[in-house]
């Protein structure tokens, strides 16, 4: 029952935060500015002395990301081309990650080092958790579930390591937007609000992961 309460609560909270984020971005996508997302990205990289990062356009919605492996700022089609507050917020945020990379930001480096292990564990973890629960119920052996919980602990740690990375990228973006004079005060506040709601999705994901981890740990503790 506790597991399903976790799922329902965080599912509802995730929906609410995601809905608010999307509504904010939709609203702020109607507020024009003189520069496109691609132009914003190019200016921010140049002002931070970064000359080895490419800006590309990728298909899809909410597909914007910075890839430290090939040093590319990848902007979704609408962010790349739009001249709006929302596009400026997203483009500058992704460039914030490029600035982190250039300055060897410790949390970004830590998160990047976790990715290979996380990729492997994410494939095995669901089978180990479900299989471990079944095995423990029939035989009492907690070994398989314990391995699954260890992998889930890595996943949860990753979600929390992501938080300072995302908040710092937004902080760098807003500081640059303010200093560059790209946005007026009202538009700057709206960009800040958009990034706040985007960051909230990561907070909810981290808390949901922690709650589920505690649930699986409680199952291990109940084996006696």
Protein backbone atom coordinates (compact mmCIF):
# COMPACT_ATOMS: atom_id res chain seq x y z
CA UNK A 1 0.00 0.00 0.00
CA UNK A 2 2.82 2.41 0.89
CA UNK A 3 4.42 1.81 -2.50
CA UNK A 4 1.23 2.75 -4.32
CA UNK A 5 0.76 5.83 -2.14
CA UNK A 6 4.26 6.93 -3.17
CA UNK A 7 3.44 6.34 -6.83
CA UNK A 8 0.13 8.23 -6.63
CA UNK A 9 1.50 11.17 -4.62
CA UNK A 10 4.62 11.79 -6.67
CA UNK A 11 2.79 11.01 -9.90
CA UNK A 12 0.31 13.76 -9.07
CA UNK A 13 3.03 16.15 -7.94
CA UNK A 14 5.07 15.47 -11.07
CA UNK A 15 2.03 16.12 -13.26
CA UNK A 16 1.32 19.41 -11.48
CA UNK A 17 4.91 20.68 -11.75
CA UNK A 18 5.20 19.56 -15.37
CA UNK A 19 1.88 21.22 -16.20
CA UNK A 20 2.96 24.49 -14.57
CA UNK A 21 6.29 24.39 -16.38
CA UNK A 22 4.67 23.80 -19.75
CA UNK A 23 2.08 26.53 -19.19
CA UNK A 24 4.81 28.99 -18.20
CA UNK A 25 6.92 28.17 -21.24
CA UNK A 26 3.87 28.44 -23.47
CA UNK A 27 3.06 31.86 -22.00
CA UNK A 28 6.64 33.11 -22.24
CA UNK A 29 6.94 31.80 -25.80
CA UNK A 30 4.60 34.61 -26.79
CA UNK A 31 6.85 37.38 -25.45
CA UNK A 32 9.19 38.54 -28.25
CA UNK A 33 12.82 39.59 -27.92
CA UNK A 34 15.28 40.69 -30.64
CA UNK A 35 17.38 37.49 -30.65
CA UNK A 36 16.74 33.84 -31.46
CA UNK A 37 17.74 31.03 -29.13
CA UNK A 38 20.66 30.16 -31.41
CA UNK A 39 21.87 33.76 -31.36
CA UNK A 40 21.54 33.91 -27.57
CA UNK A 41 23.60 30.73 -27.26
CA UNK A 42 26.30 32.03 -29.60
CA UNK A 43 26.57 35.31 -27.67
CA UNK A 44 26.75 33.61 -24.27
CA UNK A 45 29.43 31.19 -25.40
CA UNK A 46 31.45 34.00 -26.98
CA UNK A 47 31.17 36.21 -23.89
CA UNK A 48 32.45 33.33 -21.76
CA UNK A 49 35.44 32.78 -24.06
CA UNK A 50 34.18 29.42 -25.34
CA UNK A 51 35.06 28.87 -28.98
CA UNK A 52 35.07 25.07 -29.29
CA UNK A 53 31.36 24.36 -28.69
CA UNK A 54 28.95 23.96 -31.59
CA UNK A 55 25.29 24.96 -31.53
CA UNK A 56 22.96 22.53 -33.29
CA UNK A 57 19.25 22.16 -33.89
CA UNK A 58 17.56 18.89 -32.89
CA UNK A 59 14.02 17.72 -33.50
CA UNK A 60 11.42 17.18 -30.80
CA UNK A 61 10.13 19.11 -27.80
CA UNK A 62 12.13 19.50 -24.57
CA UNK A 63 15.09 17.82 -26.27
CA UNK A 64 17.47 20.66 -25.43
CA UNK A 65 20.72 19.50 -23.85
CA UNK A 66 24.45 20.04 -23.67
CA UNK A 67 26.62 17.08 -24.66
CA UNK A 68 30.04 17.25 -22.98
CA UNK A 69 31.33 14.33 -25.07
CA UNK A 70 31.26 16.20 -28.38
CA UNK A 71 30.90 19.72 -26.94
CA UNK A 72 27.58 20.60 -28.56
CA UNK A 73 24.71 22.74 -27.33
CA UNK A 74 21.69 21.00 -28.83
CA UNK A 75 18.58 23.16 -29.04
CA UNK A 76 15.14 21.91 -30.04
CA UNK A 77 13.83 23.39 -33.28
CA UNK A 78 11.58 25.97 -31.63
CA UNK A 79 14.23 27.13 -29.16
CA UNK A 80 16.84 27.37 -31.91
CA UNK A 81 14.70 29.60 -34.13
CA UNK A 82 12.30 31.42 -31.80
CA UNK A 83 12.92 34.98 -30.63
CA UNK A 84 11.13 34.77 -27.29
CA UNK A 85 11.80 34.91 -23.56
CA UNK A 86 11.25 31.15 -23.25
CA UNK A 87 13.77 30.38 -25.99
CA UNK A 88 16.31 32.72 -24.39
CA UNK A 89 15.86 31.00 -21.01
CA UNK A 90 16.37 27.51 -22.43
CA UNK A 91 19.27 28.41 -24.72
CA UNK A 92 21.18 30.27 -22.01
CA UNK A 93 20.55 27.46 -19.51
CA UNK A 94 22.08 24.87 -21.86
CA UNK A 95 25.02 27.18 -22.44
CA UNK A 96 25.31 27.34 -18.67
CA UNK A 97 26.26 23.66 -18.82
CA UNK A 98 28.88 24.43 -21.46
CA UNK A 99 30.34 27.09 -19.15
CA UNK A 100 30.35 24.55 -16.31
CA UNK A 101 32.27 22.14 -18.52
CA UNK A 102 34.78 24.78 -19.55
CA UNK A 103 35.38 25.72 -15.90
CA UNK A 104 35.54 22.08 -14.72
CA UNK A 105 32.52 22.49 -12.45
CA UNK A 106 32.92 19.69 -9.92
CA UNK A 107 29.31 18.49 -9.80
CA UNK A 108 29.08 18.26 -13.60
CA UNK A 109 32.26 16.20 -13.66
CA UNK A 110 30.98 13.94 -10.89
CA UNK A 111 27.67 13.40 -12.70
CA UNK A 112 29.43 12.63 -15.99
CA UNK A 113 31.58 9.98 -14.28
CA UNK A 114 28.43 8.32 -12.93
CA UNK A 115 26.79 7.92 -16.35
CA UNK A 116 28.51 4.66 -17.51
CA UNK A 117 27.65 2.82 -14.29
CA UNK A 118 24.15 4.27 -14.31
CA UNK A 119 23.56 3.10 -17.89
CA UNK A 120 24.37 -0.48 -16.94
CA UNK A 121 22.43 -0.47 -13.67
CA UNK A 122 19.31 1.06 -15.24
CA UNK A 123 19.03 -1.95 -17.57
CA UNK A 124 19.36 -4.54 -14.81
CA UNK A 125 17.74 -2.77 -11.87
CA UNK A 126 14.01 -3.35 -12.66
CA UNK A 127 14.58 -7.11 -13.05
CA UNK A 128 16.66 -7.31 -9.88
CA UNK A 129 14.13 -5.38 -7.81
CA UNK A 130 11.07 -7.30 -8.95
CA UNK A 131 12.90 -10.62 -9.05
CA UNK A 132 14.50 -9.93 -5.68
CA UNK A 133 11.13 -9.26 -4.07
CA UNK A 134 9.76 -12.53 -5.48
CA UNK A 135 12.80 -14.55 -4.43
CA UNK A 136 12.76 -13.10 -0.93
CA UNK A 137 9.05 -13.86 -0.57
CA UNK A 138 9.53 -17.53 -1.50
CA UNK A 139 12.97 -18.34 -0.13
CA UNK A 140 13.76 -15.56 2.32
CA UNK A 141 17.05 -14.75 0.57
CA UNK A 142 17.60 -10.96 0.33
CA UNK A 143 20.71 -11.09 -1.89
CA UNK A 144 19.11 -10.30 -5.26
CA UNK A 145 16.94 -7.54 -3.80
CA UNK A 146 19.96 -6.08 -2.00
CA UNK A 147 21.84 -5.84 -5.31
CA UNK A 148 18.81 -4.15 -6.89
CA UNK A 149 18.59 -1.70 -3.99
CA UNK A 150 22.29 -0.90 -4.36
CA UNK A 151 21.69 -0.07 -8.01
CA UNK A 152 18.65 2.00 -7.15
CA UNK A 153 20.77 3.88 -4.61
CA UNK A 154 23.08 4.86 -7.47
CA UNK A 155 20.09 6.10 -9.48
CA UNK A 156 18.84 8.14 -6.53
CA UNK A 157 22.29 9.60 -5.93
CA UNK A 158 22.41 10.63 -9.59
CA UNK A 159 19.11 12.53 -9.30
CA UNK A 160 20.45 14.47 -6.32
CA UNK A 161 23.81 15.18 -7.96
CA UNK A 162 21.82 16.56 -10.91
CA UNK A 163 20.21 19.23 -8.72
CA UNK A 164 23.26 21.48 -8.14
CA UNK A 165 24.20 21.03 -11.81
CA UNK A 166 20.82 22.27 -13.02
CA UNK A 167 20.45 25.08 -10.49
CA UNK A 168 23.97 26.33 -11.18
CA UNK A 169 23.39 26.29 -14.96
CA UNK A 170 20.26 28.40 -14.48
CA UNK A 171 22.12 30.77 -12.18
CA UNK A 172 24.87 31.25 -14.76
CA UNK A 173 22.27 31.79 -17.48
CA UNK A 174 20.35 34.43 -15.55
CA UNK A 175 23.52 36.22 -14.49
CA UNK A 176 24.69 36.41 -18.09
CA UNK A 177 21.28 37.53 -19.39
CA UNK A 178 21.24 40.28 -16.80
CA UNK A 179 24.80 41.43 -17.49
CA UNK A 180 24.43 41.29 -21.27
CA UNK A 181 21.28 43.40 -21.19
CA UNK A 182 19.46 40.92 -23.42
CA UNK A 183 16.21 41.15 -21.45
CA UNK A 184 14.47 43.98 -19.69
CA UNK A 185 13.58 43.55 -16.02
CA UNK A 186 10.12 42.12 -16.64
CA UNK A 187 11.38 39.65 -19.26
CA UNK A 188 14.28 38.68 -17.00
CA UNK A 189 11.85 37.86 -14.17
CA UNK A 190 9.80 35.70 -16.54
CA UNK A 191 12.90 33.84 -17.71
CA UNK A 192 13.80 33.25 -14.07
CA UNK A 193 10.30 31.93 -13.38
CA UNK A 194 10.47 29.56 -16.37
CA UNK A 195 13.79 28.15 -15.23
CA UNK A 196 12.49 27.80 -11.67
CA UNK A 197 9.65 25.55 -12.82
CA UNK A 198 12.02 23.56 -15.04
CA UNK A 199 14.33 23.00 -12.07
CA UNK A 200 11.36 21.94 -9.94
CA UNK A 201 10.86 18.90 -12.17
CA UNK A 202 14.32 17.69 -11.13
CA UNK A 203 13.54 18.27 -7.46
CA UNK A 204 10.35 16.21 -7.68
CA UNK A 205 12.19 13.43 -9.52
CA UNK A 206 14.88 13.32 -6.83
CA UNK A 207 12.38 13.20 -3.98
CA UNK A 208 10.32 10.52 -5.73
CA UNK A 209 13.44 8.42 -6.25
CA UNK A 210 14.41 8.81 -2.59
CA UNK A 211 10.94 7.81 -1.40
CA UNK A 212 10.96 4.67 -3.55
CA UNK A 213 14.47 3.83 -2.39
CA UNK A 214 13.34 4.02 1.24
CA UNK A 215 10.46 1.72 0.39
CA UNK A 216 12.79 -0.93 -1.06
CA UNK A 217 15.12 -0.56 1.93
CA UNK A 218 12.13 -1.14 4.22
CA UNK A 219 11.41 -4.39 2.36
CA UNK A 220 14.96 -5.55 3.05
CA UNK A 221 14.60 -4.68 6.72
CA UNK A 222 11.37 -6.67 6.92
CA UNK A 223 12.91 -9.93 5.77
CA UNK A 224 13.23 -11.25 9.32
